[in-house]
């Protein structure tokens, strides 16, 4: 029996993941994030999700899945003091 590697690389974005934590990331979210080069810093989640929906075509993912996939790809969502949900991209 062959040992499984402890890490694997995403073929689209080359992000390295621990194999114990791997789950599918929607390819549309990965593509959108790779193409959205003008966005960095903090943006309200609703604005970012609206931009994604505009470019996603006929098969967008839910807001929840979008936020989960971005978090998995290193773009976490936090809550501002006024209650606004914010995505932060470095």
N, C-alpha and C. Protein backbone atom coordinates (compact mmCIF):
# COMPACT_ATOMS: atom_id res chain seq x y z
N UNK A 1 0.84 -1.18 0.00
CA UNK A 1 0.00 0.00 0.00
C UNK A 1 0.89 1.24 0.00
N UNK A 2 0.56 2.22 -0.86
CA UNK A 2 1.35 3.42 -1.00
C UNK A 2 0.85 4.49 -0.03
N UNK A 3 1.79 5.17 0.63
CA UNK A 3 1.42 6.26 1.52
C UNK A 3 0.94 7.45 0.71
N UNK A 4 -0.11 8.10 1.19
CA UNK A 4 -0.62 9.31 0.55
C UNK A 4 0.26 10.49 0.96
N UNK A 5 0.56 11.41 0.05
CA UNK A 5 1.33 12.58 0.45
C UNK A 5 0.55 13.40 1.46
N UNK A 6 1.26 14.12 2.35
CA UNK A 6 0.58 14.88 3.39
C UNK A 6 0.07 16.22 2.85
N UNK A 7 0.58 16.66 1.69
CA UNK A 7 0.11 17.90 1.08
C UNK A 7 -0.12 17.68 -0.40
N UNK A 8 -1.01 18.46 -0.96
CA UNK A 8 -1.26 18.43 -2.39
C UNK A 8 -1.41 19.86 -2.88
N UNK A 9 -1.20 20.06 -4.17
CA UNK A 9 -1.27 21.40 -4.75
C UNK A 9 -2.48 21.52 -5.66
N UNK A 10 -3.21 22.62 -5.55
CA UNK A 10 -4.34 22.89 -6.43
C UNK A 10 -3.78 23.14 -7.83
N UNK A 11 -4.27 22.41 -8.84
CA UNK A 11 -3.74 22.59 -10.19
C UNK A 11 -4.09 23.93 -10.81
N UNK A 12 -5.10 24.61 -10.29
CA UNK A 12 -5.50 25.90 -10.86
C UNK A 12 -4.80 27.08 -10.22
N UNK A 13 -4.74 27.10 -8.89
CA UNK A 13 -4.16 28.28 -8.23
C UNK A 13 -2.82 27.99 -7.56
N UNK A 14 -2.40 26.72 -7.53
CA UNK A 14 -1.12 26.27 -6.97
C UNK A 14 -1.03 26.49 -5.45
N UNK A 15 -2.16 26.69 -4.80
CA UNK A 15 -2.20 26.77 -3.34
C UNK A 15 -1.97 25.37 -2.80
N UNK A 16 -1.18 25.22 -1.76
CA UNK A 16 -0.89 23.92 -1.18
C UNK A 16 -1.83 23.66 -0.01
N UNK A 17 -2.44 22.46 0.01
CA UNK A 17 -3.38 22.09 1.05
C UNK A 17 -2.92 20.84 1.78
N UNK A 18 -3.23 20.77 3.06
CA UNK A 18 -3.03 19.55 3.83
C UNK A 18 -4.07 18.55 3.35
N UNK A 19 -3.66 17.33 3.01
CA UNK A 19 -4.60 16.36 2.44
C UNK A 19 -5.71 16.00 3.42
N UNK A 20 -5.50 16.18 4.69
CA UNK A 20 -6.56 15.91 5.65
C UNK A 20 -7.66 16.96 5.61
N UNK A 21 -7.38 18.10 4.98
CA UNK A 21 -8.34 19.20 4.96
C UNK A 21 -8.91 19.46 3.57
N UNK A 22 -8.58 18.65 2.60
CA UNK A 22 -8.99 18.92 1.22
C UNK A 22 -10.50 18.74 1.05
N UNK A 23 -11.10 19.69 0.39
CA UNK A 23 -12.48 19.59 -0.04
C UNK A 23 -12.56 20.32 -1.37
N UNK A 24 -13.48 19.99 -2.20
CA UNK A 24 -13.56 20.66 -3.49
C UNK A 24 -13.88 22.14 -3.34
N UNK A 25 -13.21 22.95 -4.11
CA UNK A 25 -13.50 24.37 -4.19
C UNK A 25 -14.13 24.59 -5.55
N UNK A 26 -15.20 25.35 -5.60
CA UNK A 26 -15.88 25.58 -6.86
C UNK A 26 -14.92 26.23 -7.86
N UNK A 27 -14.76 25.64 -9.05
CA UNK A 27 -13.82 26.20 -10.03
C UNK A 27 -14.20 27.61 -10.47
N UNK A 28 -15.49 27.94 -10.45
CA UNK A 28 -15.91 29.30 -10.81
C UNK A 28 -15.41 30.33 -9.82
N UNK A 29 -15.38 29.98 -8.54
CA UNK A 29 -14.87 30.89 -7.51
C UNK A 29 -13.37 31.07 -7.69
N UNK A 30 -12.66 29.98 -7.95
CA UNK A 30 -11.21 30.05 -8.17
C UNK A 30 -10.92 30.93 -9.38
N UNK A 31 -11.64 30.71 -10.46
CA UNK A 31 -11.44 31.50 -11.69
C UNK A 31 -11.73 32.98 -11.42
N UNK A 32 -12.86 33.28 -10.74
CA UNK A 32 -13.20 34.66 -10.44
C UNK A 32 -12.11 35.32 -9.61
N UNK A 33 -11.62 34.64 -8.58
CA UNK A 33 -10.60 35.20 -7.70
C UNK A 33 -9.31 35.46 -8.48
N UNK A 34 -8.93 34.54 -9.36
CA UNK A 34 -7.71 34.70 -10.16
C UNK A 34 -7.83 35.86 -11.14
N UNK A 35 -9.04 36.11 -11.65
CA UNK A 35 -9.24 37.17 -12.64
C UNK A 35 -9.51 38.53 -12.00
N UNK A 36 -9.91 38.55 -10.74
CA UNK A 36 -10.26 39.79 -10.05
C UNK A 36 -8.99 40.40 -9.46
N UNK A 37 -8.18 40.99 -10.32
CA UNK A 37 -6.87 41.50 -9.92
C UNK A 37 -6.91 42.87 -9.26
N UNK A 38 -8.00 43.61 -9.42
CA UNK A 38 -8.06 44.97 -8.89
C UNK A 38 -8.48 45.02 -7.43
N UNK A 39 -8.92 43.92 -6.88
CA UNK A 39 -9.42 43.94 -5.50
C UNK A 39 -8.36 43.43 -4.52
N UNK A 40 -8.02 44.29 -3.57
CA UNK A 40 -7.19 43.87 -2.45
C UNK A 40 -7.61 44.70 -1.24
N UNK A 41 -7.21 44.29 -0.08
CA UNK A 41 -7.63 44.98 1.14
C UNK A 41 -8.97 44.47 1.61
N UNK A 42 -9.75 45.35 2.20
CA UNK A 42 -11.05 44.96 2.76
C UNK A 42 -12.18 45.50 1.89
N UNK A 43 -13.17 44.64 1.66
CA UNK A 43 -14.37 45.00 0.91
C UNK A 43 -15.56 44.35 1.59
N UNK A 44 -16.71 45.02 1.59
CA UNK A 44 -17.92 44.38 2.14
C UNK A 44 -18.24 43.11 1.36
N UNK A 45 -18.58 42.06 2.07
CA UNK A 45 -18.88 40.77 1.45
C UNK A 45 -19.98 40.91 0.42
N UNK A 46 -21.02 41.68 0.72
CA UNK A 46 -22.13 41.81 -0.22
C UNK A 46 -21.68 42.42 -1.55
N UNK A 47 -20.79 43.39 -1.50
CA UNK A 47 -20.29 44.00 -2.74
C UNK A 47 -19.46 43.00 -3.54
N UNK A 48 -18.59 42.27 -2.86
CA UNK A 48 -17.75 41.28 -3.53
C UNK A 48 -18.60 40.17 -4.12
N UNK A 49 -19.57 39.69 -3.35
CA UNK A 49 -20.45 38.63 -3.84
C UNK A 49 -21.26 39.11 -5.04
N UNK A 50 -21.72 40.36 -5.02
CA UNK A 50 -22.45 40.91 -6.17
C UNK A 50 -21.57 40.93 -7.41
N UNK A 51 -20.30 41.32 -7.25
CA UNK A 51 -19.37 41.30 -8.38
C UNK A 51 -19.20 39.89 -8.92
N UNK A 52 -19.09 38.93 -8.00
CA UNK A 52 -18.96 37.53 -8.40
C UNK A 52 -20.20 37.07 -9.18
N UNK A 53 -21.39 37.38 -8.65
CA UNK A 53 -22.64 36.98 -9.32
C UNK A 53 -22.73 37.56 -10.73
N UNK A 54 -22.31 38.79 -10.88
CA UNK A 54 -22.35 39.44 -12.19
C UNK A 54 -21.48 38.70 -13.21
N UNK A 55 -20.36 38.14 -12.76
CA UNK A 55 -19.44 37.47 -13.68
C UNK A 55 -19.61 35.95 -13.73
N UNK A 56 -20.44 35.39 -12.85
CA UNK A 56 -20.53 33.92 -12.73
C UNK A 56 -21.36 33.27 -13.82
N UNK A 57 -22.19 34.03 -14.49
CA UNK A 57 -23.02 33.43 -15.53
C UNK A 57 -24.18 32.66 -14.94
N UNK A 58 -24.47 31.49 -15.51
CA UNK A 58 -25.66 30.73 -15.14
C UNK A 58 -25.48 29.81 -13.94
N UNK A 59 -24.26 29.60 -13.46
CA UNK A 59 -24.05 28.62 -12.39
C UNK A 59 -23.29 29.19 -11.18
N UNK A 60 -23.79 30.27 -10.56
CA UNK A 60 -23.11 30.79 -9.37
C UNK A 60 -23.35 29.90 -8.16
N UNK A 61 -22.45 29.97 -7.21
CA UNK A 61 -22.63 29.27 -5.95
C UNK A 61 -23.37 30.20 -4.98
N UNK A 62 -23.87 29.64 -3.91
CA UNK A 62 -24.56 30.44 -2.89
C UNK A 62 -23.57 31.38 -2.20
N UNK A 63 -24.09 32.40 -1.55
CA UNK A 63 -23.23 33.32 -0.81
C UNK A 63 -22.43 32.56 0.24
N UNK A 64 -23.08 31.64 0.95
CA UNK A 64 -22.39 30.87 1.98
C UNK A 64 -21.23 30.07 1.38
N UNK A 65 -21.48 29.38 0.28
CA UNK A 65 -20.43 28.59 -0.37
C UNK A 65 -19.31 29.50 -0.88
N UNK A 66 -19.67 30.67 -1.44
CA UNK A 66 -18.70 31.64 -1.92
C UNK A 66 -17.76 32.06 -0.79
N UNK A 67 -18.33 32.42 0.36
CA UNK A 67 -17.54 32.85 1.51
C UNK A 67 -16.67 31.70 2.02
N UNK A 68 -17.22 30.48 2.08
CA UNK A 68 -16.45 29.32 2.54
C UNK A 68 -15.28 29.04 1.60
N UNK A 69 -15.53 29.10 0.29
CA UNK A 69 -14.46 28.84 -0.67
C UNK A 69 -13.38 29.91 -0.60
N UNK A 70 -13.77 31.17 -0.47
CA UNK A 70 -12.76 32.23 -0.34
C UNK A 70 -11.96 32.06 0.93
N UNK A 71 -12.61 31.71 2.02
CA UNK A 71 -11.89 31.48 3.28
C UNK A 71 -10.87 30.35 3.09
N UNK A 72 -11.29 29.29 2.44
CA UNK A 72 -10.42 28.15 2.17
C UNK A 72 -9.22 28.56 1.30
N UNK A 73 -9.43 29.54 0.43
CA UNK A 73 -8.37 30.03 -0.45
C UNK A 73 -7.57 31.18 0.16
N UNK A 74 -7.82 31.48 1.44
CA UNK A 74 -7.02 32.48 2.14
C UNK A 74 -7.59 33.89 2.15
N UNK A 75 -8.89 34.02 1.88
CA UNK A 75 -9.55 35.33 1.93
C UNK A 75 -10.65 35.23 2.99
N UNK A 76 -10.32 35.53 4.25
CA UNK A 76 -11.29 35.35 5.34
C UNK A 76 -12.35 36.45 5.39
N UNK A 77 -13.48 36.08 5.97
CA UNK A 77 -14.56 37.03 6.23
C UNK A 77 -14.56 37.34 7.72
N UNK A 78 -14.67 38.63 8.04
CA UNK A 78 -14.76 39.07 9.43
C UNK A 78 -15.94 40.03 9.55
N UNK A 79 -16.20 40.43 10.76
CA UNK A 79 -17.30 41.36 11.00
C UNK A 79 -16.73 42.68 11.52
N UNK A 80 -17.10 43.77 10.87
CA UNK A 80 -16.69 45.11 11.31
C UNK A 80 -17.48 45.50 12.56
N UNK A 81 -17.01 46.49 13.30
CA UNK A 81 -17.74 46.93 14.50
C UNK A 81 -19.19 47.33 14.24
N UNK A 82 -19.48 47.81 13.02
CA UNK A 82 -20.86 48.20 12.72
C UNK A 82 -21.72 47.02 12.27
N UNK A 83 -21.15 45.81 12.26
CA UNK A 83 -21.90 44.61 11.90
C UNK A 83 -21.75 44.18 10.44
N UNK A 84 -21.11 45.01 9.63
CA UNK A 84 -20.90 44.67 8.22
C UNK A 84 -19.93 43.52 8.10
N UNK A 85 -20.28 42.55 7.25
CA UNK A 85 -19.39 41.42 6.98
C UNK A 85 -18.39 41.88 5.93
N UNK A 86 -17.09 41.61 6.18
CA UNK A 86 -16.01 42.11 5.32
C UNK A 86 -15.08 40.96 4.92
N UNK A 87 -14.69 40.94 3.64
CA UNK A 87 -13.68 40.01 3.15
C UNK A 87 -12.36 40.75 3.05
N UNK A 88 -11.29 40.10 3.48
CA UNK A 88 -9.98 40.72 3.46
C UNK A 88 -9.03 39.91 2.60
N UNK A 89 -8.54 40.56 1.56
CA UNK A 89 -7.59 39.92 0.63
C UNK A 89 -6.26 40.65 0.71
N UNK A 90 -5.19 39.90 0.97
CA UNK A 90 -3.86 40.52 1.06
C UNK A 90 -3.24 40.62 -0.30
